[in-house]
Amino acid sequence: PRTKIAAVSLVVSIEPLLRSDTMSSETPVMKCTEEQMARHKIPVAYRDYCAHLLIRLNKCREQSLYMPWKCEHERHSYEVCEYKEFKRRQKLWQEQQDAKN
């Protein structure tokens, strides 16, 4: 007899991660050193607070021969981090503009 396998649909929302109250304008902590970034050949333009995720993403890409569907989780984590960093810098700039006026 055949057994039925129920398909499970996972809906993952990143909305809680992107709320303004979870993003502070305080400077985050660097999670990797300059030596690590140099060793993993991270370009200077990408050596920001999300570089530790970029290192992980690049390792996954090399191991999977750059197949785009293999490293979706790592890419998503890196992109969320970059977005949060962008919003943090945007908020910091706005605070500086408000302080001027």
PDB file of N, CA and C in Angstrom:
ATOM      1  N   PRO A   1       0.834  -1.194   0.000  1.00  0.00           N
ATOM      2  CA  PRO A   1       0.000   0.000   0.000  1.00  0.00           C
ATOM      3  C   PRO A   1       0.880   1.259   0.000  1.00  0.00           C
ATOM      4  N   ARG A   2       0.387   2.244  -0.682  1.00  0.00           N
ATOM      5  CA  ARG A   2       1.111   3.518  -0.753  1.00  0.00           C
ATOM      6  C   ARG A   2       0.728   4.397   0.433  1.00  0.00           C
ATOM      7  N   THR A   3       1.706   5.061   0.948  1.00  0.00           N
ATOM      8  CA  THR A   3       1.431   6.003   2.034  1.00  0.00           C
ATOM      9  C   THR A   3       1.442   7.413   1.475  1.00  0.00           C
ATOM     10  N   LYS A   4       0.547   8.187   1.981  1.00  0.00           N
ATOM     11  CA  LYS A   4       0.467   9.564   1.534  1.00  0.00           C
ATOM     12  C   LYS A   4       1.413  10.424   2.373  1.00  0.00           C
ATOM     13  N   ILE A   5       2.122  11.278   1.685  1.00  0.00           N
ATOM     14  CA  ILE A   5       3.016  12.206   2.366  1.00  0.00           C
ATOM     15  C   ILE A   5       2.417  13.598   2.200  1.00  0.00           C
ATOM     16  N   ALA A   6       2.131  14.198   3.318  1.00  0.00           N
ATOM     17  CA  ALA A   6       1.529  15.533   3.276  1.00  0.00           C
ATOM     18  C   ALA A   6       2.616  16.564   2.990  1.00  0.00           C
ATOM     19  N   ALA A   7       2.309  17.458   2.097  1.00  0.00           N
ATOM     20  CA  ALA A   7       3.240  18.544   1.789  1.00  0.00           C
ATOM     21  C   ALA A   7       3.103  19.611   2.860  1.00  0.00           C
ATOM     22  N   VAL A   8       4.224  20.037   3.348  1.00  0.00           N
ATOM     23  CA  VAL A   8       4.238  21.054   4.386  1.00  0.00           C
ATOM     24  C   VAL A   8       4.757  22.344   3.776  1.00  0.00           C
ATOM     25  N   SER A   9       4.015  23.383   3.958  1.00  0.00           N
ATOM     26  CA  SER A   9       4.414  24.682   3.431  1.00  0.00           C
ATOM     27  C   SER A   9       4.922  25.536   4.581  1.00  0.00           C
ATOM     28  N   LEU A  10       6.139  26.001   4.461  1.00  0.00           N
ATOM     29  CA  LEU A  10       6.718  26.861   5.481  1.00  0.00           C
ATOM     30  C   LEU A  10       6.680  28.301   4.991  1.00  0.00           C
ATOM     31  N   VAL A  11       6.074  29.129   5.773  1.00  0.00           N
ATOM     32  CA  VAL A  11       6.048  30.546   5.445  1.00  0.00           C
ATOM     33  C   VAL A  11       6.915  31.248   6.473  1.00  0.00           C
ATOM     34  N   VAL A  12       8.017  31.797   6.006  1.00  0.00           N
ATOM     35  CA  VAL A  12       8.944  32.474   6.894  1.00  0.00           C
ATOM     36  C   VAL A  12       8.842  33.963   6.630  1.00  0.00           C
ATOM     37  N   SER A  13       8.573  34.684   7.660  1.00  0.00           N
ATOM     38  CA  SER A  13       8.437  36.131   7.518  1.00  0.00           C
ATOM     39  C   SER A  13       9.663  36.815   8.090  1.00  0.00           C
ATOM     40  N   ILE A  14      10.216  37.729   7.329  1.00  0.00           N
ATOM     41  CA  ILE A  14      11.352  38.496   7.839  1.00  0.00           C
ATOM     42  C   ILE A  14      10.884  39.841   8.399  1.00  0.00           C
ATOM     43  N   GLU A  15       9.584  40.065   8.380  1.00  0.00           N
ATOM     44  CA  GLU A  15       9.054  41.329   8.873  1.00  0.00           C
ATOM     45  C   GLU A  15       9.516  41.650  10.292  1.00  0.00           C
ATOM     46  N   PRO A  16       9.486  40.685  11.251  1.00  0.00           N
ATOM     47  CA  PRO A  16       9.970  41.018  12.595  1.00  0.00           C
ATOM     48  C   PRO A  16      11.444  41.439  12.606  1.00  0.00           C
ATOM     49  N   LEU A  17      12.226  40.925  11.687  1.00  0.00           N
ATOM     50  CA  LEU A  17      13.646  41.287  11.641  1.00  0.00           C
ATOM     51  C   LEU A  17      13.861  42.707  11.140  1.00  0.00           C
ATOM     52  N   LEU A  18      12.918  43.213  10.350  1.00  0.00           N
ATOM     53  CA  LEU A  18      13.094  44.505   9.710  1.00  0.00           C
ATOM     54  C   LEU A  18      12.327  45.624  10.398  1.00  0.00           C
ATOM     55  N   ARG A  19      11.699  45.353  11.533  1.00  0.00           N
ATOM     56  CA  ARG A  19      10.978  46.401  12.244  1.00  0.00           C
ATOM     57  C   ARG A  19      11.957  47.462  12.717  1.00  0.00           C
ATOM     58  N   SER A  20      11.501  48.693  12.773  1.00  0.00           N
ATOM     59  CA  SER A  20      12.393  49.789  13.152  1.00  0.00           C
ATOM     60  C   SER A  20      12.852  49.681  14.605  1.00  0.00           C
ATOM     61  N   ASP A  21      12.049  49.055  15.477  1.00  0.00           N
ATOM     62  CA  ASP A  21      12.466  48.959  16.872  1.00  0.00           C
ATOM     63  C   ASP A  21      13.561  47.912  17.083  1.00  0.00           C
ATOM     64  N   THR A  22      13.773  47.023  16.108  1.00  0.00           N
ATOM     65  CA  THR A  22      14.855  46.044  16.237  1.00  0.00           C
ATOM     66  C   THR A  22      16.148  46.566  15.627  1.00  0.00           C
ATOM     67  N   MET A  23      16.074  47.719  14.972  1.00  0.00           N
ATOM     68  CA  MET A  23      17.261  48.308  14.354  1.00  0.00           C
ATOM     69  C   MET A  23      17.669  49.533  15.149  1.00  0.00           C
ATOM     70  N   SER A  24      18.818  49.504  15.756  1.00  0.00           N
ATOM     71  CA  SER A  24      19.279  50.662  16.507  1.00  0.00           C
ATOM     72  C   SER A  24      20.340  51.383  15.698  1.00  0.00           C
ATOM     73  N   SER A  25      20.530  52.640  16.032  1.00  0.00           N
ATOM     74  CA  SER A  25      21.548  53.415  15.330  1.00  0.00           C
ATOM     75  C   SER A  25      22.908  53.242  15.985  1.00  0.00           C
ATOM     76  N   GLU A  26      22.981  52.405  17.024  1.00  0.00           N
ATOM     77  CA  GLU A  26      24.264  52.129  17.657  1.00  0.00           C
ATOM     78  C   GLU A  26      25.136  51.318  16.714  1.00  0.00           C
ATOM     79  N   THR A  27      26.431  51.546  16.797  1.00  0.00           N
ATOM     80  CA  THR A  27      27.362  50.841  15.934  1.00  0.00           C
ATOM     81  C   THR A  27      27.415  49.365  16.318  1.00  0.00           C
ATOM     82  N   PRO A  28      27.163  48.461  15.376  1.00  0.00           N
ATOM     83  CA  PRO A  28      27.255  47.027  15.683  1.00  0.00           C
ATOM     84  C   PRO A  28      28.712  46.599  15.881  1.00  0.00           C
ATOM     85  N   VAL A  29      28.884  45.394  16.352  1.00  0.00           N
ATOM     86  CA  VAL A  29      30.217  44.857  16.629  1.00  0.00           C
ATOM     87  C   VAL A  29      30.720  44.092  15.409  1.00  0.00           C
ATOM     88  N   MET A  30      31.965  44.332  15.042  1.00  0.00           N
ATOM     89  CA  MET A  30      32.580  43.555  13.953  1.00  0.00           C
ATOM     90  C   MET A  30      32.777  42.123  14.437  1.00  0.00           C
ATOM     91  N   LYS A  31      32.348  41.164  13.631  1.00  0.00           N
ATOM     92  CA  LYS A  31      32.435  39.764  14.026  1.00  0.00           C
ATOM     93  C   LYS A  31      33.587  39.035  13.358  1.00  0.00           C
ATOM     94  N   CYS A  32      34.344  39.732  12.516  1.00  0.00           N
ATOM     95  CA  CYS A  32      35.546  39.127  11.937  1.00  0.00           C
ATOM     96  C   CYS A  32      36.640  40.199  11.857  1.00  0.00           C
ATOM     97  N   THR A  33      37.855  39.762  11.849  1.00  0.00           N
ATOM     98  CA  THR A  33      38.988  40.683  11.871  1.00  0.00           C
ATOM     99  C   THR A  33      39.441  41.043  10.460  1.00  0.00           C
ATOM    100  N   GLU A  34      40.291  42.058  10.382  1.00  0.00           N
ATOM    101  CA  GLU A  34      40.877  42.455   9.098  1.00  0.00           C
ATOM    102  C   GLU A  34      41.666  41.296   8.490  1.00  0.00           C
ATOM    103  N   GLU A  35      42.359  40.534   9.328  1.00  0.00           N
ATOM    104  CA  GLU A  35      43.148  39.403   8.833  1.00  0.00           C
ATOM    105  C   GLU A  35      42.245  38.339   8.205  1.00  0.00           C
ATOM    106  N   GLN A  36      41.112  38.061   8.843  1.00  0.00           N
ATOM    107  CA  GLN A  36      40.180  37.078   8.294  1.00  0.00           C
ATOM    108  C   GLN A  36      39.617  37.551   6.955  1.00  0.00           C
ATOM    109  N   MET A  37      39.276  38.826   6.884  1.00  0.00           N
ATOM    110  CA  MET A  37      38.723  39.351   5.640  1.00  0.00           C
ATOM    111  C   MET A  37      39.768  39.323   4.526  1.00  0.00           C
ATOM    112  N   ALA A  38      41.016  39.635   4.870  1.00  0.00           N
ATOM    113  CA  ALA A  38      42.080  39.591   3.874  1.00  0.00           C
ATOM    114  C   ALA A  38      42.340  38.151   3.431  1.00  0.00           C
ATOM    115  N   ARG A  39      42.339  37.216   4.392  1.00  0.00           N
ATOM    116  CA  ARG A  39      42.581  35.805   4.077  1.00  0.00           C
ATOM    117  C   ARG A  39      41.510  35.250   3.141  1.00  0.00           C
ATOM    118  N   HIS A  40      40.279  35.704   3.312  1.00  0.00           N
ATOM    119  CA  HIS A  40      39.172  35.224   2.477  1.00  0.00           C
ATOM    120  C   HIS A  40      38.952  36.093   1.250  1.00  0.00           C
ATOM    121  N   LYS A  41      39.868  37.032   1.018  1.00  0.00           N
ATOM    122  CA  LYS A  41      39.880  37.890  -0.175  1.00  0.00           C
ATOM    123  C   LYS A  41      38.581  38.682  -0.343  1.00  0.00           C
ATOM    124  N   ILE A  42      38.116  39.260   0.762  1.00  0.00           N
ATOM    125  CA  ILE A  42      36.946  40.118   0.717  1.00  0.00           C
ATOM    126  C   ILE A  42      37.404  41.488   0.221  1.00  0.00           C
ATOM    127  N   PRO A  43      36.812  42.013  -0.854  1.00  0.00           N
ATOM    128  CA  PRO A  43      37.205  43.337  -1.338  1.00  0.00           C
ATOM    129  C   PRO A  43      36.970  44.411  -0.268  1.00  0.00           C
ATOM    130  N   VAL A  44      37.791  45.436  -0.269  1.00  0.00           N
ATOM    131  CA  VAL A  44      37.714  46.481   0.742  1.00  0.00           C
ATOM    132  C   VAL A  44      36.314  47.095   0.802  1.00  0.00           C
ATOM    133  N   ALA A  45      35.662  47.259  -0.317  1.00  0.00           N
ATOM    134  CA  ALA A  45      34.323  47.860  -0.354  1.00  0.00           C
ATOM    135  C   ALA A  45      33.283  47.021   0.396  1.00  0.00           C
ATOM    136  N   TYR A  46      33.545  45.739   0.605  1.00  0.00           N
ATOM    137  CA  TYR A  46      32.589  44.855   1.267  1.00  0.00           C
ATOM    138  C   TYR A  46      32.989  44.517   2.698  1.00  0.00           C
ATOM    139  N   ARG A  47      33.994  45.164   3.227  1.00  0.00           N
ATOM    140  CA  ARG A  47      34.459  44.888   4.590  1.00  0.00           C
ATOM    141  C   ARG A  47      33.672  45.734   5.580  1.00  0.00           C
ATOM    142  N   ASP A  48      32.432  45.333   5.791  1.00  0.00           N
ATOM    143  CA  ASP A  48      31.558  46.053   6.707  1.00  0.00           C
ATOM    144  C   ASP A  48      31.109  45.112   7.822  1.00  0.00           C
ATOM    145  N   TYR A  49      30.057  45.502   8.523  1.00  0.00           N
ATOM    146  CA  TYR A  49      29.577  44.709   9.655  1.00  0.00           C
ATOM    147  C   TYR A  49      28.919  43.400   9.239  1.00  0.00           C
ATOM    148  N   CYS A  50      28.749  43.172   7.949  1.00  0.00           N
ATOM    149  CA  CYS A  50      28.158  41.923   7.455  1.00  0.00           C
ATOM    150  C   CYS A  50      29.202  41.025   6.786  1.00  0.00           C
ATOM    151  N   ALA A  51      30.461  41.360   6.906  1.00  0.00           N
ATOM    152  CA  ALA A  51      31.519  40.610   6.224  1.00  0.00           C
ATOM    153  C   ALA A  51      31.577  39.153   6.678  1.00  0.00           C
ATOM    154  N   HIS A  52      31.268  38.890   7.944  1.00  0.00           N
ATOM    155  CA  HIS A  52      31.295  37.501   8.423  1.00  0.00           C
ATOM    156  C   HIS A  52      30.284  36.639   7.675  1.00  0.00           C
ATOM    157  N   LEU A  53      29.155  37.234   7.294  1.00  0.00           N
ATOM    158  CA  LEU A  53      28.156  36.495   6.514  1.00  0.00           C
ATOM    159  C   LEU A  53      28.587  36.340   5.062  1.00  0.00           C
ATOM    160  N   LEU A  54      29.295  37.327   4.544  1.00  0.00           N
ATOM    161  CA  LEU A  54      29.807  37.237   3.175  1.00  0.00           C
ATOM    162  C   LEU A  54      30.863  36.143   3.061  1.00  0.00           C
ATOM    163  N   ILE A  55      31.689  35.999   4.081  1.00  0.00           N
ATOM    164  CA  ILE A  55      32.692  34.915   4.088  1.00  0.00           C
ATOM    165  C   ILE A  55      31.988  33.567   4.013  1.00  0.00           C
ATOM    166  N   ARG A  56      30.954  33.403   4.838  1.00  0.00           N
ATOM    167  CA  ARG A  56      30.184  32.149   4.849  1.00  0.00           C
ATOM    168  C   ARG A  56      29.507  31.915   3.502  1.00  0.00           C
ATOM    169  N   LEU A  57      28.946  32.973   2.905  1.00  0.00           N
ATOM    170  CA  LEU A  57      28.280  32.867   1.604  1.00  0.00           C
ATOM    171  C   LEU A  57      29.276  32.483   0.515  1.00  0.00           C
ATOM    172  N   ASN A  58      30.430  33.112   0.503  1.00  0.00           N
ATOM    173  CA  ASN A  58      31.432  32.793  -0.518  1.00  0.00           C
ATOM    174  C   ASN A  58      31.954  31.367  -0.388  1.00  0.00           C
ATOM    175  N   LYS A  59      32.120  30.885   0.852  1.00  0.00           N
ATOM    176  CA  LYS A  59      32.535  29.486   1.048  1.00  0.00           C
ATOM    177  C   LYS A  59      31.490  28.535   0.472  1.00  0.00           C
ATOM    178  N   CYS A  60      30.225  28.821   0.753  1.00  0.00           N
ATOM    179  CA  CYS A  60      29.139  27.980   0.233  1.00  0.00           C
ATOM    180  C   CYS A  60      29.126  28.007  -1.285  1.00  0.00           C
ATOM    181  N   ARG A  61      29.306  29.185  -1.860  1.00  0.00           N
ATOM    182  CA  ARG A  61      29.310  29.303  -3.319  1.00  0.00           C
ATOM    183  C   ARG A  61      30.445  28.486  -3.938  1.00  0.00           C
ATOM    184  N   GLU A  62      31.625  28.537  -3.342  1.00  0.00           N
ATOM    185  CA  GLU A  62      32.763  27.764  -3.876  1.00  0.00           C
ATOM    186  C   GLU A  62      32.510  26.269  -3.760  1.00  0.00           C
ATOM    187  N   GLN A  63      31.954  25.836  -2.623  1.00  0.00           N
ATOM    188  CA  GLN A  63      31.700  24.410  -2.416  1.00  0.00           C
ATOM    189  C   GLN A  63      30.605  23.878  -3.336  1.00  0.00           C
ATOM    190  N   SER A  64      29.649  24.722  -3.703  1.00  0.00           N
ATOM    191  CA  SER A  64      28.540  24.267  -4.544  1.00  0.00           C
ATOM    192  C   SER A  64      28.729  24.647  -6.008  1.00  0.00           C
ATOM    193  N   LEU A  65      29.934  25.071  -6.361  1.00  0.00           N
ATOM    194  CA  LEU A  65      30.263  25.452  -7.737  1.00  0.00           C
ATOM    195  C   LEU A  65      29.341  26.555  -8.270  1.00  0.00           C
ATOM    196  N   TYR A  66      29.012  27.496  -7.386  1.00  0.00           N
ATOM    197  CA  TYR A  66      28.221  28.689  -7.720  1.00  0.00           C
ATOM    198  C   TYR A  66      26.823  28.384  -8.256  1.00  0.00           C
ATOM    199  N   MET A  67      26.246  27.263  -7.826  1.00  0.00           N
ATOM    200  CA  MET A  67      24.861  26.958  -8.201  1.00  0.00           C
ATOM    201  C   MET A  67      23.944  27.851  -7.367  1.00  0.00           C
ATOM    202  N   PRO A  68      23.174  28.726  -8.000  1.00  0.00           N
ATOM    203  CA  PRO A  68      22.433  29.753  -7.265  1.00  0.00           C
ATOM    204  C   PRO A  68      21.420  29.231  -6.250  1.00  0.00           C
ATOM    205  N   TRP A  69      20.876  28.060  -6.450  1.00  0.00           N
ATOM    206  CA  TRP A  69      19.861  27.535  -5.537  1.00  0.00           C
ATOM    207  C   TRP A  69      20.455  26.838  -4.320  1.00  0.00           C
ATOM    208  N   LYS A  70      21.763  26.680  -4.278  1.00  0.00           N
ATOM    209  CA  LYS A  70      22.400  25.952  -3.179  1.00  0.00           C
ATOM    210  C   LYS A  70      22.622  26.803  -1.928  1.00  0.00           C
ATOM    211  N   CYS A  71      22.824  28.093  -2.064  1.00  0.00           N
ATOM    212  CA  CYS A  71      23.212  28.934  -0.931  1.00  0.00           C
ATOM    213  C   CYS A  71      22.169  30.004  -0.633  1.00  0.00           C
ATOM    214  N   GLU A  72      20.911  29.658  -0.809  1.00  0.00           N
ATOM    215  CA  GLU A  72      19.848  30.642  -0.630  1.00  0.00           C
ATOM    216  C   GLU A  72      19.792  31.179   0.791  1.00  0.00           C
ATOM    217  N   HIS A  73      19.956  30.301   1.779  1.00  0.00           N
ATOM    218  CA  HIS A  73      19.883  30.754   3.179  1.00  0.00           C
ATOM    219  C   HIS A  73      21.018  31.726   3.501  1.00  0.00           C
ATOM    220  N   GLU A  74      22.224  31.394   3.077  1.00  0.00           N
ATOM    221  CA  GLU A  74      23.370  32.257   3.338  1.00  0.00           C
ATOM    222  C   GLU A  74      23.214  33.607   2.644  1.00  0.00           C
ATOM    223  N   ARG A  75      22.725  33.570   1.401  1.00  0.00           N
ATOM    224  CA  ARG A  75      22.527  34.818   0.667  1.00  0.00           C
ATOM    225  C   ARG A  75      21.452  35.686   1.322  1.00  0.00           C
ATOM    226  N   HIS A  76      20.384  35.041   1.745  1.00  0.00           N
ATOM    227  CA  HIS A  76      19.309  35.777   2.405  1.00  0.00           C
ATOM    228  C   HIS A  76      19.805  36.416   3.712  1.00  0.00           C
ATOM    229  N   SER A  77      20.564  35.673   4.496  1.00  0.00           N
ATOM    230  CA  SER A  77      21.106  36.206   5.747  1.00  0.00           C
ATOM    231  C   SER A  77      21.985  37.415   5.484  1.00  0.00           C
ATOM    232  N   TYR A  78      22.823  37.317   4.455  1.00  0.00           N
ATOM    233  CA  TYR A  78      23.715  38.422   4.110  1.00  0.00           C
ATOM    234  C   TYR A  78      22.913  39.640   3.641  1.00  0.00           C
ATOM    235  N   GLU A  79      21.906  39.425   2.820  1.00  0.00           N
ATOM    236  CA  GLU A  79      21.112  40.545   2.302  1.00  0.00           C
ATOM    237  C   GLU A  79      20.297  41.224   3.399  1.00  0.00           C
ATOM    238  N   VAL A  80      19.761  40.457   4.345  1.00  0.00           N
ATOM    239  CA  VAL A  80      19.041  41.050   5.474  1.00  0.00           C
ATOM    240  C   VAL A  80      19.998  41.884   6.315  1.00  0.00           C
ATOM    241  N   CYS A  81      21.185  41.367   6.546  1.00  0.00           N
ATOM    242  CA  CYS A  81      22.192  42.105   7.309  1.00  0.00           C
ATOM    243  C   CYS A  81      22.548  43.414   6.608  1.00  0.00           C
ATOM    244  N   GLU A  82      22.774  43.361   5.313  1.00  0.00           N
ATOM    245  CA  GLU A  82      23.114  44.571   4.556  1.00  0.00           C
ATOM    246  C   GLU A  82      21.965  45.578   4.587  1.00  0.00           C
ATOM    247  N   TYR A  83      20.730  45.098   4.501  1.00  0.00           N
ATOM    248  CA  TYR A  83      19.576  45.996   4.550  1.00  0.00           C
ATOM    249  C   TYR A  83      19.485  46.670   5.917  1.00  0.00           C
ATOM    250  N   LYS A  84      19.660  45.892   6.991  1.00  0.00           N
ATOM    251  CA  LYS A  84      19.617  46.461   8.334  1.00  0.00           C
ATOM    252  C   LYS A  84      20.736  47.471   8.537  1.00  0.00           C
ATOM    253  N   GLU A  85      21.910  47.205   7.986  1.00  0.00           N
ATOM    254  CA  GLU A  85      23.027  48.138   8.075  1.00  0.00           C
ATOM    255  C   GLU A  85      22.713  49.420   7.295  1.00  0.00           C
ATOM    256  N   PHE A  86      22.111  49.280   6.128  1.00  0.00           N
ATOM    257  CA  PHE A  86      21.706  50.450   5.341  1.00  0.00           C
ATOM    258  C   PHE A  86      20.708  51.299   6.111  1.00  0.00           C
ATOM    259  N   LYS A  87      19.701  50.654   6.716  1.00  0.00           N
ATOM    260  CA  LYS A  87      18.693  51.386   7.478  1.00  0.00           C
ATOM    261  C   LYS A  87      19.323  52.044   8.711  1.00  0.00           C
ATOM    262  N   ARG A  88      20.302  51.396   9.348  1.00  0.00           N
ATOM    263  CA  ARG A  88      20.983  51.973  10.501  1.00  0.00           C
ATOM    264  C   ARG A  88      21.723  53.243  10.098  1.00  0.00           C
ATOM    265  N   ARG A  89      22.455  53.160   8.963  1.00  0.00           N
ATOM    266  CA  ARG A  89      23.199  54.328   8.490  1.00  0.00           C
ATOM    267  C   ARG A  89      22.256  55.441   8.053  1.00  0.00           C
ATOM    268  N   GLN A  90      21.131  55.088   7.458  1.00  0.00           N
ATOM    269  CA  GLN A  90      20.137  56.070   7.051  1.00  0.00           C
ATOM    270  C   GLN A  90      19.555  56.791   8.270  1.00  0.00           C
ATOM    271  N   LYS A  91      19.257  56.030   9.319  1.00  0.00           N
ATOM    272  CA  LYS A  91      18.725  56.607  10.550  1.00  0.00           C
ATOM    273  C   LYS A  91      19.760  57.513  11.214  1.00  0.00           C
ATOM    274  N   LEU A  92      21.010  57.091  11.219  1.00  0.00           N
ATOM    275  CA  LEU A  92      22.097  57.891  11.790  1.00  0.00           C
ATOM    276  C   LEU A  92      22.246  59.198  11.022  1.00  0.00           C
ATOM    277  N   TRP A  93      22.182  59.145   9.705  1.00  0.00           N
ATOM    278  CA  TRP A  93      22.278  60.352   8.889  1.00  0.00           C
ATOM    279  C   TRP A  93      21.129  61.291   9.196  1.00  0.00           C
ATOM    280  N   GLN A  94      19.923  60.733   9.325  1.00  0.00           N
ATOM    281  CA  GLN A  94      18.743  61.563   9.621  1.00  0.00           C
ATOM    282  C   GLN A  94      18.891  62.225  10.992  1.00  0.00           C
ATOM    283  N   GLU A  95      19.412  61.492  11.972  1.00  0.00           N
ATOM    284  CA  GLU A  95      19.638  62.084  13.289  1.00  0.00           C
ATOM    285  C   GLU A  95      20.650  63.228  13.214  1.00  0.00           C
ATOM    286  N   GLN A  96      21.682  63.077  12.400  1.00  0.00           N
ATOM    287  CA  GLN A  96      22.668  64.136  12.233  1.00  0.00           C
ATOM    288  C   GLN A  96      22.048  65.349  11.562  1.00  0.00           C
ATOM    289  N   GLN A  97      21.180  65.131  10.582  1.00  0.00           N
ATOM    290  CA  GLN A  97      20.509  66.236   9.896  1.00  0.00           C
ATOM    291  C   GLN A  97      19.567  66.974  10.852  1.00  0.00           C
ATOM    292  N   ASP A  98      18.854  66.220  11.686  1.00  0.00           N
ATOM    293  CA  ASP A  98      17.951  66.833  12.652  1.00  0.00           C
ATOM    294  C   ASP A  98      18.711  67.642  13.698  1.00  0.00           C
ATOM    295  N   ALA A  99      19.910  67.165  14.082  1.00  0.00           N
ATOM    296  CA  ALA A  99      20.729  67.877  15.060  1.00  0.00           C
ATOM    297  C   ALA A  99      21.248  69.190  14.484  1.00  0.00           C
ATOM    298  N   LYS A 100      21.477  69.244  13.182  1.00  0.00           N
ATOM    299  CA  LYS A 100      21.952  70.473  12.534  1.00  0.00           C
ATOM    300  C   LYS A 100      20.882  71.559  12.540  1.00  0.00           C
ATOM    301  N   ASN A 101      19.621  71.136  12.388  1.00  0.00           N
ATOM    302  CA  ASN A 101      18.516  72.106  12.272  1.00  0.00           C
ATOM    303  C   ASN A 101      17.950  72.508  13.593  1.00  0.00           C
TER     304      ASN A 101
END
